[in-house]
Amino acid sequence: PTKTPTPTPGASPISSIVAASGEIYQQDILNVGTKLYIDRTYTISNPGGYEGAFYIRTANDDKSFVADPLLTFTLSQDATVYVAVRGTALSWMSDWTNTGVTLGTTDQPLTIFSKDFSQGTVALGDNSNVTYRASMYVVFVKPAQQTISPTPTSVPGDTDGDGDIDLSDLTTLLTNFGRSGGGLPGDTDGDNDVDLADLTTLLSNFGR
């Protein structure tokens, strides 16, 4: 039988990245300061303990592109794939796990979901079921033998993912107060609107 080559330590397990939109996605290492998208200047402000993971930099302009799959890539070994999205899980993520960890960015915080994959092709869907499609998802990968210790998510109300609840977070929530839709900044309870319950949660954590 053909043996699977052992990956070189530190070598990316990701290859053959294809976006249906035609955009050329890039690989990087997830860290503070890593550029978030290929077509925006936003960066990662808090990796949530996933520093060192292999990162796929997507295009934010693909947030409204409809395709199934939208993104495919090949894994050279078994790995956990993480998708960080704006708000709640996407329609094709019913069997993904919410890690309870937030990816902090200089744009908006993204909720991290995970799923284990065997060596081979990974196919991911699009944002088409999200009412509030303000941000494209991003992807990162942890090979089975790579150790990563995620840190707990920030307290509810931390709309910018910077680890505290302050006037910036309150301003963001009030800007979206009364709105409905998936992934709204300030939707602390994930019920697809920003209302009095969300404001109460933020104020109860204010200053933390």
Protein backbone atom coordinates (compact mmCIF):
# COMPACT_ATOMS: atom_id res chain seq x y z
CA PRO A 1 0.00 0.00 0.00
CA THR A 2 1.07 3.57 -0.63
CA LYS A 3 2.27 5.34 2.50
CA THR A 4 1.22 8.86 3.31
CA PRO A 5 4.34 11.02 3.70
CA THR A 6 4.89 12.50 7.13
CA PRO A 7 4.51 16.30 6.89
CA THR A 8 7.56 18.38 7.67
CA PRO A 9 7.14 20.09 11.06
CA GLY A 10 5.91 23.60 10.43
CA ALA A 11 4.92 22.88 6.84
CA SER A 12 1.42 23.90 5.84
CA PRO A 13 -0.98 20.99 5.30
CA ILE A 14 -3.02 23.18 2.91
CA SER A 15 -2.72 23.17 -0.88
CA SER A 16 -4.81 23.65 -4.03
CA ILE A 17 -6.90 26.54 -2.69
CA VAL A 18 -9.65 27.45 -5.16
CA ALA A 19 -12.32 30.14 -4.76
CA ALA A 20 -15.32 29.91 -7.11
CA SER A 21 -15.28 33.70 -7.38
CA GLY A 22 -11.88 33.61 -9.06
CA GLU A 23 -10.23 35.52 -6.21
CA ILE A 24 -6.74 34.33 -5.28
CA TYR A 25 -6.86 33.48 -1.59
CA GLN A 26 -3.59 33.52 0.35
CA GLN A 27 -1.97 31.40 3.04
CA ASP A 28 -0.45 32.83 6.21
CA ILE A 29 0.12 32.02 9.88
CA LEU A 30 -2.53 33.21 12.33
CA ASN A 31 -1.12 35.75 14.77
CA VAL A 32 -1.79 39.23 16.12
CA GLY A 33 -1.37 41.57 13.17
CA THR A 34 -2.13 38.96 10.50
CA LYS A 35 -4.02 40.63 7.65
CA LEU A 36 -7.67 39.54 7.74
CA TYR A 37 -8.69 39.70 4.05
CA ILE A 38 -6.82 39.98 0.76
CA ASP A 39 -8.88 43.05 -0.19
CA ARG A 40 -9.10 44.96 3.11
CA THR A 41 -6.59 46.42 5.56
CA TYR A 42 -8.20 44.92 8.69
CA THR A 43 -5.98 42.74 10.85
CA ILE A 44 -6.28 40.13 13.62
CA SER A 45 -6.25 41.78 17.05
CA ASN A 46 -6.89 38.71 19.20
CA PRO A 47 -6.35 35.17 17.80
CA GLY A 48 -8.20 33.69 20.78
CA GLY A 49 -5.37 31.30 21.57
CA TYR A 50 -5.14 29.92 18.02
CA GLU A 51 -1.78 31.57 17.31
CA GLY A 52 0.34 29.52 14.92
CA ALA A 53 -2.57 27.93 13.03
CA PHE A 54 -2.38 27.82 9.23
CA TYR A 55 -4.54 30.66 7.92
CA ILE A 56 -6.44 31.06 4.65
CA ARG A 57 -6.95 34.74 3.85
CA THR A 58 -10.23 35.10 1.97
CA ALA A 59 -11.70 38.07 0.08
CA ASN A 60 -14.24 40.21 1.89
CA ASP A 61 -15.86 41.02 -1.45
CA ASP A 62 -16.85 37.33 -1.61
CA LYS A 63 -19.28 37.88 1.28
CA SER A 64 -22.17 38.09 -1.23
CA PHE A 65 -20.85 35.62 -3.81
CA VAL A 66 -23.19 32.62 -4.18
CA ALA A 67 -21.61 29.24 -4.98
CA ASP A 68 -21.65 25.73 -3.56
CA PRO A 69 -18.89 25.18 -2.86
CA LEU A 70 -17.38 28.64 -2.68
CA LEU A 71 -14.02 27.47 -1.37
CA THR A 72 -12.15 24.19 -1.78
CA PHE A 73 -8.69 23.18 -0.65
CA THR A 74 -6.69 20.00 -0.04
CA LEU A 75 -5.36 18.74 3.29
CA SER A 76 -2.18 16.65 3.27
CA GLN A 77 -3.11 15.13 6.64
CA ASP A 78 -5.98 14.87 9.11
CA ALA A 79 -6.74 18.26 10.64
CA THR A 80 -9.30 20.43 12.38
CA VAL A 81 -10.68 23.16 10.15
CA TYR A 82 -11.91 26.36 11.79
CA VAL A 83 -14.27 28.85 10.13
CA ALA A 84 -14.70 32.26 11.77
CA VAL A 85 -17.99 33.92 10.80
CA ARG A 86 -19.85 37.12 11.54
CA GLY A 87 -22.63 36.11 13.93
CA THR A 88 -24.32 32.71 13.77
CA ALA A 89 -23.42 29.52 11.89
CA LEU A 90 -24.05 29.39 8.14
CA SER A 91 -26.60 26.99 6.63
CA TRP A 92 -23.96 24.42 5.62
CA MET A 93 -22.45 24.36 9.13
CA SER A 94 -25.13 22.27 10.89
CA ASP A 95 -22.53 19.65 11.91
CA TRP A 96 -19.87 22.18 12.95
CA THR A 97 -19.11 22.95 16.61
CA ASN A 98 -19.25 26.44 18.09
CA THR A 99 -15.95 26.68 19.97
CA GLY A 100 -17.19 29.48 22.22
CA VAL A 101 -14.16 31.51 21.18
CA THR A 102 -14.12 34.83 19.35
CA LEU A 103 -11.56 35.87 16.75
CA GLY A 104 -10.85 39.53 17.51
CA THR A 105 -10.22 41.77 14.51
CA THR A 106 -9.88 45.47 13.78
CA ASP A 107 -13.16 45.16 11.87
CA GLN A 108 -15.75 43.10 13.80
CA PRO A 109 -15.29 40.02 16.03
CA LEU A 110 -15.92 36.67 14.34
CA THR A 111 -17.35 33.56 16.00
CA ILE A 112 -15.17 30.46 15.54
CA PHE A 113 -16.67 27.10 14.53
CA SER A 114 -14.71 23.87 14.06
CA LYS A 115 -14.92 20.49 12.34
CA ASP A 116 -12.48 17.60 11.99
CA PHE A 117 -11.55 16.50 8.46
CA SER A 118 -9.56 13.57 7.12
CA GLN A 119 -6.77 14.03 4.60
CA GLY A 120 -8.20 15.05 1.24
CA THR A 121 -10.43 17.74 -0.23
CA VAL A 122 -12.38 20.18 1.95
CA ALA A 123 -15.34 22.04 0.42
CA LEU A 124 -16.95 25.04 2.13
CA GLY A 125 -20.14 26.88 1.20
CA ASP A 126 -20.97 30.57 0.98
CA ASN A 127 -22.65 33.33 3.01
CA SER A 128 -25.91 33.14 1.08
CA ASN A 129 -28.18 32.43 4.05
CA VAL A 130 -26.99 35.39 6.13
CA THR A 131 -29.30 38.40 6.20
CA TYR A 132 -26.58 40.78 7.37
CA ARG A 133 -23.70 39.86 5.04
CA ALA A 134 -21.25 42.53 6.15
CA SER A 135 -18.22 40.24 6.41
CA MET A 136 -16.84 37.19 4.64
CA TYR A 137 -15.72 34.27 6.76
CA VAL A 138 -12.06 33.34 7.20
CA VAL A 139 -10.52 29.90 7.63
CA PHE A 140 -7.66 28.39 9.57
CA VAL A 141 -6.40 24.85 10.05
CA LYS A 142 -4.78 22.92 12.88
CA PRO A 143 -3.13 19.60 11.91
CA ALA A 144 -3.94 16.70 14.22
CA GLN A 145 -0.50 16.76 15.83
CA GLN A 146 -0.37 20.54 16.34
CA THR A 147 -1.12 21.71 19.88
CA ILE A 148 -3.25 24.82 20.26
CA SER A 149 -4.86 26.03 23.48
CA PRO A 150 -7.72 28.41 22.71
CA THR A 151 -8.53 31.05 25.27
CA PRO A 152 -12.09 31.65 26.48
CA THR A 153 -14.18 34.05 24.48
CA SER A 154 -14.48 37.64 25.57
CA VAL A 155 -17.37 38.62 27.84
CA PRO A 156 -20.76 39.20 26.15
CA GLY A 157 -20.98 42.71 24.76
CA ASP A 158 -17.38 42.90 23.54
CA THR A 159 -18.39 43.90 20.03
CA ASP A 160 -14.86 44.64 18.83
CA GLY A 161 -13.15 41.59 20.36
CA ASP A 162 -10.52 43.64 22.20
CA GLY A 163 -11.09 41.92 25.54
CA ASP A 164 -13.03 44.64 27.37
CA ILE A 165 -16.44 46.32 27.43
CA ASP A 166 -16.16 50.07 26.96
CA LEU A 167 -17.71 53.06 25.20
CA SER A 168 -16.64 51.74 21.81
CA ASP A 169 -18.72 48.59 22.35
CA LEU A 170 -21.69 50.59 23.63
CA THR A 171 -21.55 52.90 20.62
CA THR A 172 -21.53 49.92 18.24
CA LEU A 173 -24.52 48.35 19.96
CA LEU A 174 -26.52 51.59 19.97
CA THR A 175 -25.75 52.10 16.27
CA ASN A 176 -27.43 48.76 15.55
CA PHE A 177 -30.18 49.03 18.18
CA GLY A 178 -33.55 47.99 16.78
CA ARG A 179 -32.09 46.26 13.73
CA SER A 180 -32.71 42.62 12.81
CA GLY A 181 -30.51 40.20 10.89
CA GLY A 182 -27.79 37.62 11.30
CA GLY A 183 -24.36 38.70 12.51
CA LEU A 184 -25.31 42.15 13.78
CA PRO A 185 -22.63 43.71 16.02
CA GLY A 186 -24.18 44.05 19.46
CA ASP A 187 -26.37 40.94 19.18
CA THR A 188 -24.98 39.47 22.41
CA ASP A 189 -27.49 36.62 22.65
CA GLY A 190 -27.38 35.52 19.00
CA ASP A 191 -31.13 35.90 18.39
CA ASN A 192 -30.63 37.93 15.20
CA ASP A 193 -31.62 41.33 16.55
CA VAL A 194 -30.22 44.05 18.78
CA ASP A 195 -32.66 44.91 21.49
CA LEU A 196 -33.06 45.77 25.18
CA ALA A 197 -31.83 42.33 26.25
CA ASP A 198 -28.54 42.89 24.42
CA LEU A 199 -28.15 46.38 25.90
CA THR A 200 -28.78 45.01 29.39
CA THR A 201 -26.12 42.34 28.90
CA LEU A 202 -23.55 44.87 27.69
CA LEU A 203 -24.25 47.29 30.53
CA SER A 204 -23.99 44.50 33.10
CA ASN A 205 -20.47 43.80 31.84
CA PHE A 206 -19.46 47.44 31.24
CA GLY A 207 -15.96 48.17 32.49
CA ARG A 208 -14.87 44.54 32.54
